[in-house]
PDB file of N, CA and C in Angstrom:
ATOM      1  N   MET A   1     -56.763-108.143 -13.697  1.00  0.00           N
ATOM      2  CA  MET A   1     -56.334-106.603 -13.390  1.00  0.00           C
ATOM      3  C   MET A   1     -57.697-105.881 -13.055  1.00  0.00           C
ATOM      4  N   VAL A   2     -57.599-105.126 -11.646  1.00  0.00           N
ATOM      5  CA  VAL A   2     -58.526-104.563 -11.123  1.00  0.00           C
ATOM      6  C   VAL A   2     -58.104-103.409 -10.797  1.00  0.00           C
ATOM      7  N   GLY A   3     -58.892-101.913 -11.154  1.00  0.00           N
ATOM      8  CA  GLY A   3     -58.390-100.204 -10.315  1.00  0.00           C
ATOM      9  C   GLY A   3     -59.850 -99.403 -10.385  1.00  0.00           C
ATOM     10  N   VAL A   4     -59.529 -98.279  -9.897  1.00  0.00           N
ATOM     11  CA  VAL A   4     -60.641 -97.670  -9.215  1.00  0.00           C
ATOM     12  C   VAL A   4     -59.660 -95.615  -9.809  1.00  0.00           C
ATOM     13  N   LEU A   5     -60.638 -95.086 -10.298  1.00  0.00           N
ATOM     14  CA  LEU A   5     -60.122 -93.647 -10.529  1.00  0.00           C
ATOM     15  C   LEU A   5     -61.064 -92.616  -9.477  1.00  0.00           C
ATOM     16  N   PHE A   6     -60.555 -91.832  -9.565  1.00  0.00           N
ATOM     17  CA  PHE A   6     -61.330 -91.069  -9.065  1.00  0.00           C
ATOM     18  C   PHE A   6     -60.391 -89.401  -9.421  1.00  0.00           C
ATOM     19  N   ALA A   7     -61.126 -88.384 -10.057  1.00  0.00           N
ATOM     20  CA  ALA A   7     -60.587 -86.822 -10.564  1.00  0.00           C
ATOM     21  C   ALA A   7     -61.489 -86.413  -9.643  1.00  0.00           C
ATOM     22  N   ASP A   8     -60.822 -84.792  -9.454  1.00  0.00           N
ATOM     23  CA  ASP A   8     -61.770 -83.990  -9.047  1.00  0.00           C
ATOM     24  C   ASP A   8     -61.605 -82.666 -10.219  1.00  0.00           C
ATOM     25  N   GLN A   9     -61.779 -81.978 -10.880  1.00  0.00           N
ATOM     26  CA  GLN A   9     -61.848 -80.833 -11.578  1.00  0.00           C
ATOM     27  C   GLN A   9     -62.660 -80.011 -11.250  1.00  0.00           C
ATOM     28  N   ARG A  10     -61.779 -78.705 -10.860  1.00  0.00           N
ATOM     29  CA  ARG A  10     -62.981 -77.255 -11.010  1.00  0.00           C
ATOM     30  C   ARG A  10     -61.682 -76.314 -11.692  1.00  0.00           C
ATOM     31  N   LEU A  11     -63.022 -75.426 -12.489  1.00  0.00           N
ATOM     32  CA  LEU A  11     -61.868 -73.948 -12.839  1.00  0.00           C
ATOM     33  C   LEU A  11     -63.303 -73.195 -12.806  1.00  0.00           C
ATOM     34  N   ASP A  12     -62.538 -71.549 -12.351  1.00  0.00           N
ATOM     35  CA  ASP A  12     -63.321 -70.880 -12.419  1.00  0.00           C
ATOM     36  C   ASP A  12     -62.872 -69.785 -13.327  1.00  0.00           C
ATOM     37  N   SER A  13     -63.988 -69.027 -13.988  1.00  0.00           N
ATOM     38  CA  SER A  13     -64.045 -68.298 -15.142  1.00  0.00           C
ATOM     39  C   SER A  13     -64.334 -66.968 -15.259  1.00  0.00           C
ATOM     40  N   LYS A  14     -64.208 -65.735 -15.846  1.00  0.00           N
ATOM     41  CA  LYS A  14     -64.138 -64.644 -15.697  1.00  0.00           C
ATOM     42  C   LYS A  14     -64.062 -64.245 -16.772  1.00  0.00           C
ATOM     43  N   SER A  15     -65.169 -63.474 -17.464  1.00  0.00           N
ATOM     44  CA  SER A  15     -64.931 -62.948 -18.951  1.00  0.00           C
ATOM     45  C   SER A  15     -65.792 -61.672 -18.967  1.00  0.00           C
ATOM     46  N   GLY A  16     -65.457 -60.456 -20.053  1.00  0.00           N
ATOM     47  CA  GLY A  16     -66.271 -59.639 -20.078  1.00  0.00           C
ATOM     48  C   GLY A  16     -65.495 -58.269 -21.266  1.00  0.00           C
ATOM     49  N   SER A  17     -66.398 -57.522 -21.656  1.00  0.00           N
ATOM     50  CA  SER A  17     -65.943 -56.629 -22.332  1.00  0.00           C
ATOM     51  C   SER A  17     -66.084 -55.327 -21.644  1.00  0.00           C
ATOM     52  N   ILE A  18     -64.956 -54.343 -22.391  1.00  0.00           N
ATOM     53  CA  ILE A  18     -65.171 -52.995 -21.731  1.00  0.00           C
ATOM     54  C   ILE A  18     -65.468 -51.975 -22.818  1.00  0.00           C
ATOM     55  N   ILE A  19     -66.176 -50.670 -22.448  1.00  0.00           N
ATOM     56  CA  ILE A  19     -66.910 -49.830 -23.631  1.00  0.00           C
ATOM     57  C   ILE A  19     -65.989 -48.422 -22.929  1.00  0.00           C
ATOM     58  N   PRO A  20     -64.637 -48.292 -22.953  1.00  0.00           N
ATOM     59  CA  PRO A  20     -64.710 -47.018 -22.558  1.00  0.00           C
ATOM     60  C   PRO A  20     -65.206 -45.049 -22.442  1.00  0.00           C
ATOM     61  N   ALA A  21     -65.741 -45.229 -23.735  1.00  0.00           N
ATOM     62  CA  ALA A  21     -66.436 -44.121 -23.955  1.00  0.00           C
ATOM     63  C   ALA A  21     -67.696 -43.627 -22.799  1.00  0.00           C
ATOM     64  N   PHE A  22     -68.299 -45.172 -22.310  1.00  0.00           N
ATOM     65  CA  PHE A  22     -69.275 -45.271 -21.499  1.00  0.00           C
ATOM     66  C   PHE A  22     -68.703 -45.793 -19.650  1.00  0.00           C
ATOM     67  N   ALA A  23     -67.754 -45.792 -20.182  1.00  0.00           N
ATOM     68  CA  ALA A  23     -67.069 -46.224 -18.510  1.00  0.00           C
ATOM     69  C   ALA A  23     -67.467 -47.294 -18.082  1.00  0.00           C
ATOM     70  N   LEU A  24     -68.501 -48.629 -18.782  1.00  0.00           N
ATOM     71  CA  LEU A  24     -68.805 -49.689 -18.843  1.00  0.00           C
ATOM     72  C   LEU A  24     -68.228 -50.798 -18.300  1.00  0.00           C
ATOM     73  N   THR A  25     -68.553 -51.565 -17.690  1.00  0.00           N
ATOM     74  CA  THR A  25     -67.949 -53.022 -18.034  1.00  0.00           C
ATOM     75  C   THR A  25     -68.915 -53.665 -17.743  1.00  0.00           C
ATOM     76  N   ASP A  26     -68.490 -54.768 -18.488  1.00  0.00           N
ATOM     77  CA  ASP A  26     -69.645 -56.335 -18.451  1.00  0.00           C
ATOM     78  C   ASP A  26     -69.022 -57.403 -18.531  1.00  0.00           C
ATOM     79  N   THR A  27     -69.389 -58.190 -17.355  1.00  0.00           N
ATOM     80  CA  THR A  27     -68.097 -59.123 -16.639  1.00  0.00           C
ATOM     81  C   THR A  27     -69.451 -60.679 -16.148  1.00  0.00           C
ATOM     82  N   THR A  28     -69.288 -61.149 -16.630  1.00  0.00           N
ATOM     83  CA  THR A  28     -69.624 -62.656 -16.732  1.00  0.00           C
ATOM     84  C   THR A  28     -68.670 -63.392 -15.460  1.00  0.00           C
ATOM     85  N   THR A  29     -69.451 -64.152 -14.776  1.00  0.00           N
ATOM     86  CA  THR A  29     -68.648 -65.059 -13.592  1.00  0.00           C
ATOM     87  C   THR A  29     -68.609 -66.249 -13.917  1.00  0.00           C
ATOM     88  N   ALA A  30     -68.430 -67.212 -14.065  1.00  0.00           N
ATOM     89  CA  ALA A  30     -68.878 -69.018 -13.792  1.00  0.00           C
ATOM     90  C   ALA A  30     -67.763 -69.936 -12.921  1.00  0.00           C
ATOM     91  N   GLN A  31     -68.124 -71.056 -12.393  1.00  0.00           N
ATOM     92  CA  GLN A  31     -67.967 -72.471 -11.570  1.00  0.00           C
ATOM     93  C   GLN A  31     -67.970 -73.130 -12.551  1.00  0.00           C
ATOM     94  N   PHE A  32     -67.096 -73.914 -13.082  1.00  0.00           N
ATOM     95  CA  PHE A  32     -66.961 -75.368 -13.427  1.00  0.00           C
ATOM     96  C   PHE A  32     -67.195 -76.468 -12.680  1.00  0.00           C
ATOM     97  N   ALA A  33     -67.567 -77.440 -12.638  1.00  0.00           N
ATOM     98  CA  ALA A  33     -67.028 -78.471 -11.538  1.00  0.00           C
ATOM     99  C   ALA A  33     -67.226 -80.194 -12.410  1.00  0.00           C
ATOM    100  N   ASN A  34     -66.198 -80.690 -11.885  1.00  0.00           N
ATOM    101  CA  ASN A  34     -66.334 -81.945 -12.523  1.00  0.00           C
ATOM    102  C   ASN A  34     -65.464 -83.149 -12.057  1.00  0.00           C
ATOM    103  N   GLN A  35     -66.815 -84.651 -11.396  1.00  0.00           N
ATOM    104  CA  GLN A  35     -66.237 -85.042 -10.528  1.00  0.00           C
ATOM    105  C   GLN A  35     -66.184 -86.710 -11.580  1.00  0.00           C
ATOM    106  N   THR A  36     -65.435 -87.196 -11.521  1.00  0.00           N
ATOM    107  CA  THR A  36     -65.536 -88.721 -12.074  1.00  0.00           C
ATOM    108  C   THR A  36     -64.474 -89.800 -10.851  1.00  0.00           C
ATOM    109  N   TYR A  37     -66.077 -90.577 -11.367  1.00  0.00           N
ATOM    110  CA  TYR A  37     -65.795 -91.920 -10.062  1.00  0.00           C
ATOM    111  C   TYR A  37     -65.712 -92.741 -11.108  1.00  0.00           C
ATOM    112  N   ALA A  38     -64.513 -93.963 -11.406  1.00  0.00           N
ATOM    113  CA  ALA A  38     -64.788 -95.171 -11.775  1.00  0.00           C
ATOM    114  C   ALA A  38     -63.898 -96.541 -11.585  1.00  0.00           C
ATOM    115  N   LEU A  39     -65.003 -97.674 -11.469  1.00  0.00           N
ATOM    116  CA  LEU A  39     -64.539 -98.915 -11.090  1.00  0.00           C
ATOM    117  C   LEU A  39     -64.159 -99.710 -12.462  1.00  0.00           C
ATOM    118  N   PHE A  40     -62.988-100.730 -11.951  1.00  0.00           N
ATOM    119  CA  PHE A  40     -62.482-100.840 -13.773  1.00  0.00           C
ATOM    120  C   PHE A  40     -61.808-102.471 -13.798  1.00  0.00           C
ATOM    121  N   GLY A  41     -62.372-103.680 -14.628  1.00  0.00           N
ATOM    122  CA  GLY A  41     -61.459-104.528 -14.065  1.00  0.00           C
ATOM    123  C   GLY A  41     -61.507-105.133 -15.914  1.00  0.00           C
ATOM    124  N   GLN A  42     -59.947-106.301 -16.462  1.00  0.00           N
ATOM    125  CA  GLN A  42     -59.646-106.710 -16.930  1.00  0.00           C
ATOM    126  C   GLN A  42     -59.392-107.872 -17.281  1.00  0.00           C
ATOM    127  N   ALA A  43     -60.084-108.969 -17.668  1.00  0.00           N
ATOM    128  CA  ALA A  43     -59.693-110.573 -17.653  1.00  0.00           C
ATOM    129  C   ALA A  43     -59.558-111.258 -18.906  1.00  0.00           C
ATOM    130  N   THR A  44     -58.242-112.069 -18.909  1.00  0.00           N
ATOM    131  CA  THR A  44     -57.916-112.597 -20.077  1.00  0.00           C
ATOM    132  C   THR A  44     -58.036-114.205 -19.995  1.00  0.00           C
ATOM    133  N   TYR A  45     -58.826-114.678 -20.971  1.00  0.00           N
ATOM    134  CA  TYR A  45     -59.545-116.318 -21.322  1.00  0.00           C
ATOM    135  C   TYR A  45     -58.171-116.453 -21.971  1.00  0.00           C
ATOM    136  N   SER A  46     -57.624-117.643 -21.771  1.00  0.00           N
ATOM    137  CA  SER A  46     -57.476-118.639 -23.194  1.00  0.00           C
ATOM    138  C   SER A  46     -57.919-119.280 -23.904  1.00  0.00           C
ATOM    139  N   ILE A  47     -58.540-119.470 -25.147  1.00  0.00           N
ATOM    140  CA  ILE A  47     -59.144-120.267 -25.511  1.00  0.00           C
ATOM    141  C   ILE A  47     -58.342-121.577 -26.702  1.00  0.00           C
ATOM    142  N   SER A  48     -57.371-120.989 -26.789  1.00  0.00           N
ATOM    143  CA  SER A  48     -55.975-122.052 -27.229  1.00  0.00           C
ATOM    144  C   SER A  48     -54.987-121.699 -27.254  1.00  0.00           C
ATOM    145  N   GLU A  49     -53.813-122.523 -27.666  1.00  0.00           N
ATOM    146  CA  GLU A  49     -52.548-121.853 -27.774  1.00  0.00           C
ATOM    147  C   GLU A  49     -52.061-120.756 -27.556  1.00  0.00           C
ATOM    148  N   ASN A  50     -53.161-120.054 -28.736  1.00  0.00           N
ATOM    149  CA  ASN A  50     -52.463-119.212 -29.819  1.00  0.00           C
ATOM    150  C   ASN A  50     -53.769-117.858 -30.263  1.00  0.00           C
ATOM    151  N   LEU A  51     -54.663-118.650 -29.269  1.00  0.00           N
ATOM    152  CA  LEU A  51     -55.742-117.317 -29.022  1.00  0.00           C
ATOM    153  C   LEU A  51     -56.211-117.024 -28.055  1.00  0.00           C
ATOM    154  N   ASP A  52     -56.593-115.665 -27.083  1.00  0.00           N
ATOM    155  CA  ASP A  52     -57.013-114.931 -25.817  1.00  0.00           C
ATOM    156  C   ASP A  52     -58.022-114.123 -26.121  1.00  0.00           C
ATOM    157  N   LEU A  53     -58.762-114.794 -25.652  1.00  0.00           N
ATOM    158  CA  LEU A  53     -60.036-113.390 -25.362  1.00  0.00           C
ATOM    159  C   LEU A  53     -60.049-112.670 -23.943  1.00  0.00           C
ATOM    160  N   ILE A  54     -59.923-111.287 -24.049  1.00  0.00           N
ATOM    161  CA  ILE A  54     -59.757-110.597 -23.432  1.00  0.00           C
ATOM    162  C   ILE A  54     -61.027-109.730 -23.029  1.00  0.00           C
ATOM    163  N   GLY A  55     -60.956-109.507 -21.714  1.00  0.00           N
ATOM    164  CA  GLY A  55     -63.144-108.775 -21.524  1.00  0.00           C
ATOM    165  C   GLY A  55     -62.371-107.724 -20.927  1.00  0.00           C
ATOM    166  N   GLY A  56     -63.080-106.710 -20.764  1.00  0.00           N
ATOM    167  CA  GLY A  56     -63.197-105.486 -19.347  1.00  0.00           C
ATOM    168  C   GLY A  56     -64.541-104.737 -19.133  1.00  0.00           C
ATOM    169  N   LEU A  57     -64.362-104.081 -17.913  1.00  0.00           N
ATOM    170  CA  LEU A  57     -65.598-103.267 -17.619  1.00  0.00           C
ATOM    171  C   LEU A  57     -65.439-102.071 -16.892  1.00  0.00           C
ATOM    172  N   ARG A  58     -65.928-100.846 -17.146  1.00  0.00           N
ATOM    173  CA  ARG A  58     -65.498 -99.744 -16.576  1.00  0.00           C
ATOM    174  C   ARG A  58     -66.982 -99.426 -16.233  1.00  0.00           C
ATOM    175  N   LEU A  59     -66.963 -98.999 -15.094  1.00  0.00           N
ATOM    176  CA  LEU A  59     -68.363 -98.553 -14.401  1.00  0.00           C
ATOM    177  C   LEU A  59     -67.705 -97.386 -14.087  1.00  0.00           C
ATOM    178  N   GLU A  60     -68.609 -96.575 -14.720  1.00  0.00           N
ATOM    179  CA  GLU A  60     -68.201 -94.746 -14.546  1.00  0.00           C
ATOM    180  C   GLU A  60     -69.496 -93.992 -14.103  1.00  0.00           C
ATOM    181  N   LEU A  61     -69.185 -93.065 -13.177  1.00  0.00           N
ATOM    182  CA  LEU A  61     -70.005 -91.791 -12.785  1.00  0.00           C
ATOM    183  C   LEU A  61     -69.196 -90.676 -12.800  1.00  0.00           C
ATOM    184  N   ASN A  62     -70.533 -89.042 -13.260  1.00  0.00           N
ATOM    185  CA  ASN A  62     -69.870 -88.440 -13.504  1.00  0.00           C
ATOM    186  C   ASN A  62     -70.630 -87.134 -13.300  1.00  0.00           C
ATOM    187  N   ASP A  63     -70.280 -86.321 -12.223  1.00  0.00           N
ATOM    188  CA  ASP A  63     -70.970 -85.818 -11.503  1.00  0.00           C
ATOM    189  C   ASP A  63     -70.567 -84.268 -12.059  1.00  0.00           C
ATOM    190  N   ARG A  64     -71.383 -83.190 -12.652  1.00  0.00           N
ATOM    191  CA  ARG A  64     -71.099 -82.100 -13.867  1.00  0.00           C
ATOM    192  C   ARG A  64     -72.075 -81.159 -12.878  1.00  0.00           C
ATOM    193  N   SER A  65     -71.050 -79.547 -13.050  1.00  0.00           N
ATOM    194  CA  SER A  65     -72.041 -78.531 -12.915  1.00  0.00           C
ATOM    195  C   SER A  65     -71.811 -77.218 -13.381  1.00  0.00           C
ATOM    196  N   MET A  66     -72.465 -76.194 -13.730  1.00  0.00           N
ATOM    197  CA  MET A  66     -71.849 -75.200 -14.070  1.00  0.00           C
ATOM    198  C   MET A  66     -72.486 -73.830 -13.276  1.00  0.00           C
ATOM    199  N   ASN A  67     -72.115 -72.951 -12.708  1.00  0.00           N
ATOM    200  CA  ASN A  67     -72.752 -71.836 -12.255  1.00  0.00           C
ATOM    201  C   ASN A  67     -72.901 -70.697 -13.364  1.00  0.00           C
ATOM    202  N   ARG A  68     -73.141 -69.542 -13.283  1.00  0.00           N
ATOM    203  CA  ARG A  68     -72.714 -68.577 -14.117  1.00  0.00           C
ATOM    204  C   ARG A  68     -73.964 -67.479 -13.623  1.00  0.00           C
ATOM    205  N   GLN A  69     -73.509 -66.423 -13.486  1.00  0.00           N
ATOM    206  CA  GLN A  69     -73.281 -64.882 -13.006  1.00  0.00           C
ATOM    207  C   GLN A  69     -73.270 -64.192 -13.875  1.00  0.00           C
ATOM    208  N   HIS A  70     -74.456 -62.893 -14.229  1.00  0.00           N
ATOM    209  CA  HIS A  70     -74.221 -61.979 -15.271  1.00  0.00           C
ATOM    210  C   HIS A  70     -74.928 -60.914 -14.463  1.00  0.00           C
ATOM    211  N   PRO A  71     -73.772 -59.530 -14.425  1.00  0.00           N
ATOM    212  CA  PRO A  71     -75.219 -59.116 -13.807  1.00  0.00           C
ATOM    213  C   PRO A  71     -76.452 -58.448 -14.240  1.00  0.00           C
ATOM    214  N   GLY A  72     -76.652 -58.294 -15.394  1.00  0.00           N
ATOM    215  CA  GLY A  72     -77.371 -57.839 -16.487  1.00  0.00           C
ATOM    216  C   GLY A  72     -77.999 -58.572 -16.464  1.00  0.00           C
ATOM    217  N   ALA A  73     -78.300 -60.078 -16.372  1.00  0.00           N
ATOM    218  CA  ALA A  73     -79.296 -61.050 -16.536  1.00  0.00           C
ATOM    219  C   ALA A  73     -80.588 -61.138 -15.204  1.00  0.00           C
ATOM    220  N   PRO A  74     -81.481 -61.741 -15.943  1.00  0.00           N
ATOM    221  CA  PRO A  74     -82.523 -61.768 -14.817  1.00  0.00           C
ATOM    222  C   PRO A  74     -82.369 -62.678 -13.909  1.00  0.00           C
ATOM    223  N   ALA A  75     -81.349 -63.915 -13.553  1.00  0.00           N
ATOM    224  CA  ALA A  75     -81.299 -64.747 -12.839  1.00  0.00           C
ATOM    225  C   ALA A  75     -80.313 -65.429 -13.149  1.00  0.00           C
ATOM    226  N   ASP A  76     -79.178 -65.922 -11.987  1.00  0.00           N
ATOM    227  CA  ASP A  76     -78.143 -66.806 -12.213  1.00  0.00           C
ATOM    228  C   ASP A  76     -78.197 -68.247 -13.025  1.00  0.00           C
ATOM    229  N   ILE A  77     -77.596 -68.876 -14.011  1.00  0.00           N
ATOM    230  CA  ILE A  77     -77.743 -70.380 -14.281  1.00  0.00           C
ATOM    231  C   ILE A  77     -77.061 -71.136 -13.585  1.00  0.00           C
ATOM    232  N   ASN A  78     -78.026 -71.978 -13.351  1.00  0.00           N
ATOM    233  CA  ASN A  78     -77.326 -72.936 -12.385  1.00  0.00           C
ATOM    234  C   ASN A  78     -77.896 -74.615 -12.771  1.00  0.00           C
ATOM    235  N   LEU A  79     -76.859 -75.202 -13.248  1.00  0.00           N
ATOM    236  CA  LEU A  79     -77.161 -76.374 -13.757  1.00  0.00           C
ATOM    237  C   LEU A  79     -76.243 -77.421 -13.790  1.00  0.00           C
ATOM    238  N   ARG A  80     -76.816 -78.754 -13.155  1.00  0.00           N
ATOM    239  CA  ARG A  80     -76.086 -79.817 -12.850  1.00  0.00           C
ATOM    240  C   ARG A  80     -76.528 -81.327 -13.678  1.00  0.00           C
ATOM    241  N   ASP A  81     -75.867 -82.210 -13.843  1.00  0.00           N
ATOM    242  CA  ASP A  81     -75.383 -83.486 -14.592  1.00  0.00           C
ATOM    243  C   ASP A  81     -75.129 -84.438 -14.162  1.00  0.00           C
ATOM    244  N   THR A  82     -75.784 -85.725 -14.432  1.00  0.00           N
ATOM    245  CA  THR A  82     -75.261 -86.938 -13.876  1.00  0.00           C
ATOM    246  C   THR A  82     -75.234 -87.791 -15.076  1.00  0.00           C
ATOM    247  N   PHE A  83     -73.774 -88.665 -15.320  1.00  0.00           N
ATOM    248  CA  PHE A  83     -73.347 -89.452 -15.926  1.00  0.00           C
ATOM    249  C   PHE A  83     -73.446 -90.655 -15.487  1.00  0.00           C
ATOM    250  N   GLU A  84     -73.883 -91.894 -15.914  1.00  0.00           N
ATOM    251  CA  GLU A  84     -73.159 -92.926 -15.285  1.00  0.00           C
ATOM    252  C   GLU A  84     -73.528 -94.288 -16.753  1.00  0.00           C
ATOM    253  N   ALA A  85     -72.516 -94.960 -16.900  1.00  0.00           N
ATOM    254  CA  ALA A  85     -72.926 -95.946 -17.725  1.00  0.00           C
ATOM    255  C   ALA A  85     -71.494 -97.301 -17.309  1.00  0.00           C
ATOM    256  N   ALA A  86     -72.064 -98.249 -17.929  1.00  0.00           N
ATOM    257  CA  ALA A  86     -71.440 -99.719 -18.102  1.00  0.00           C
ATOM    258  C   ALA A  86     -70.756 -99.585 -19.206  1.00  0.00           C
ATOM    259  N   LEU A  87     -69.173 -99.449 -19.200  1.00  0.00           N
ATOM    260  CA  LEU A  87     -68.529 -99.730 -20.337  1.00  0.00           C
ATOM    261  C   LEU A  87     -67.867-101.008 -20.696  1.00  0.00           C
ATOM    262  N   PRO A  88     -68.654-102.057 -21.758  1.00  0.00           N
ATOM    263  CA  PRO A  88     -68.037-103.206 -21.467  1.00  0.00           C
ATOM    264  C   PRO A  88     -66.491-103.033 -22.549  1.00  0.00           C
ATOM    265  N   ARG A  89     -65.457-103.817 -22.673  1.00  0.00           N
ATOM    266  CA  ARG A  89     -64.458-103.654 -23.369  1.00  0.00           C
ATOM    267  C   ARG A  89     -63.795-105.519 -23.954  1.00  0.00           C
ATOM    268  N   PRO A  90     -64.972-105.788 -24.918  1.00  0.00           N
ATOM    269  CA  PRO A  90     -64.440-107.048 -25.811  1.00  0.00           C
ATOM    270  C   PRO A  90     -63.818-106.674 -26.612  1.00  0.00           C
ATOM    271  N   GLU A  91     -62.617-107.570 -26.557  1.00  0.00           N
ATOM    272  CA  GLU A  91     -61.323-108.028 -27.900  1.00  0.00           C
ATOM    273  C   GLU A  91     -60.611-109.529 -27.768  1.00  0.00           C
ATOM    274  N   SER A  92     -60.466-109.125 -28.916  1.00  0.00           N
ATOM    275  CA  SER A  92     -59.584-110.776 -28.864  1.00  0.00           C
ATOM    276  C   SER A  92     -58.550-110.440 -29.470  1.00  0.00           C
ATOM    277  N   PHE A  93     -56.994-111.065 -28.385  1.00  0.00           N
ATOM    278  CA  PHE A  93     -55.813-111.578 -29.401  1.00  0.00           C
ATOM    279  C   PHE A  93     -54.970-112.991 -29.462  1.00  0.00           C
ATOM    280  N   ILE A  94     -54.936-112.738 -31.076  1.00  0.00           N
ATOM    281  CA  ILE A  94     -53.796-114.138 -31.344  1.00  0.00           C
ATOM    282  C   ILE A  94     -52.558-113.867 -31.220  1.00  0.00           C
ATOM    283  N   MET A  95     -51.727-114.958 -30.369  1.00  0.00           N
ATOM    284  CA  MET A  95     -50.247-115.041 -30.746  1.00  0.00           C
ATOM    285  C   MET A  95     -49.755-115.275 -31.695  1.00  0.00           C
TER     286      MET A  95
END
């Protein structure tokens, strides 16, 4: 068995507080993004009539970012991270 996966997640956020006595608003906006790419496979090897060895592998890449803006801050915050992994999946199955 072989498969692929792609996921694209995005979120826009706005948060803050209001101080009515001073007619002030304090608002922070942020944008989050996550893209996931994966390729995976699984195979079964029969060791005997009652024992199968099942193995699988998933190759995964995640690309994440966050941008945050706050009016009173000295600068915007822009973060980005990439995660790569080969994830094995060893199992045994007895019938």
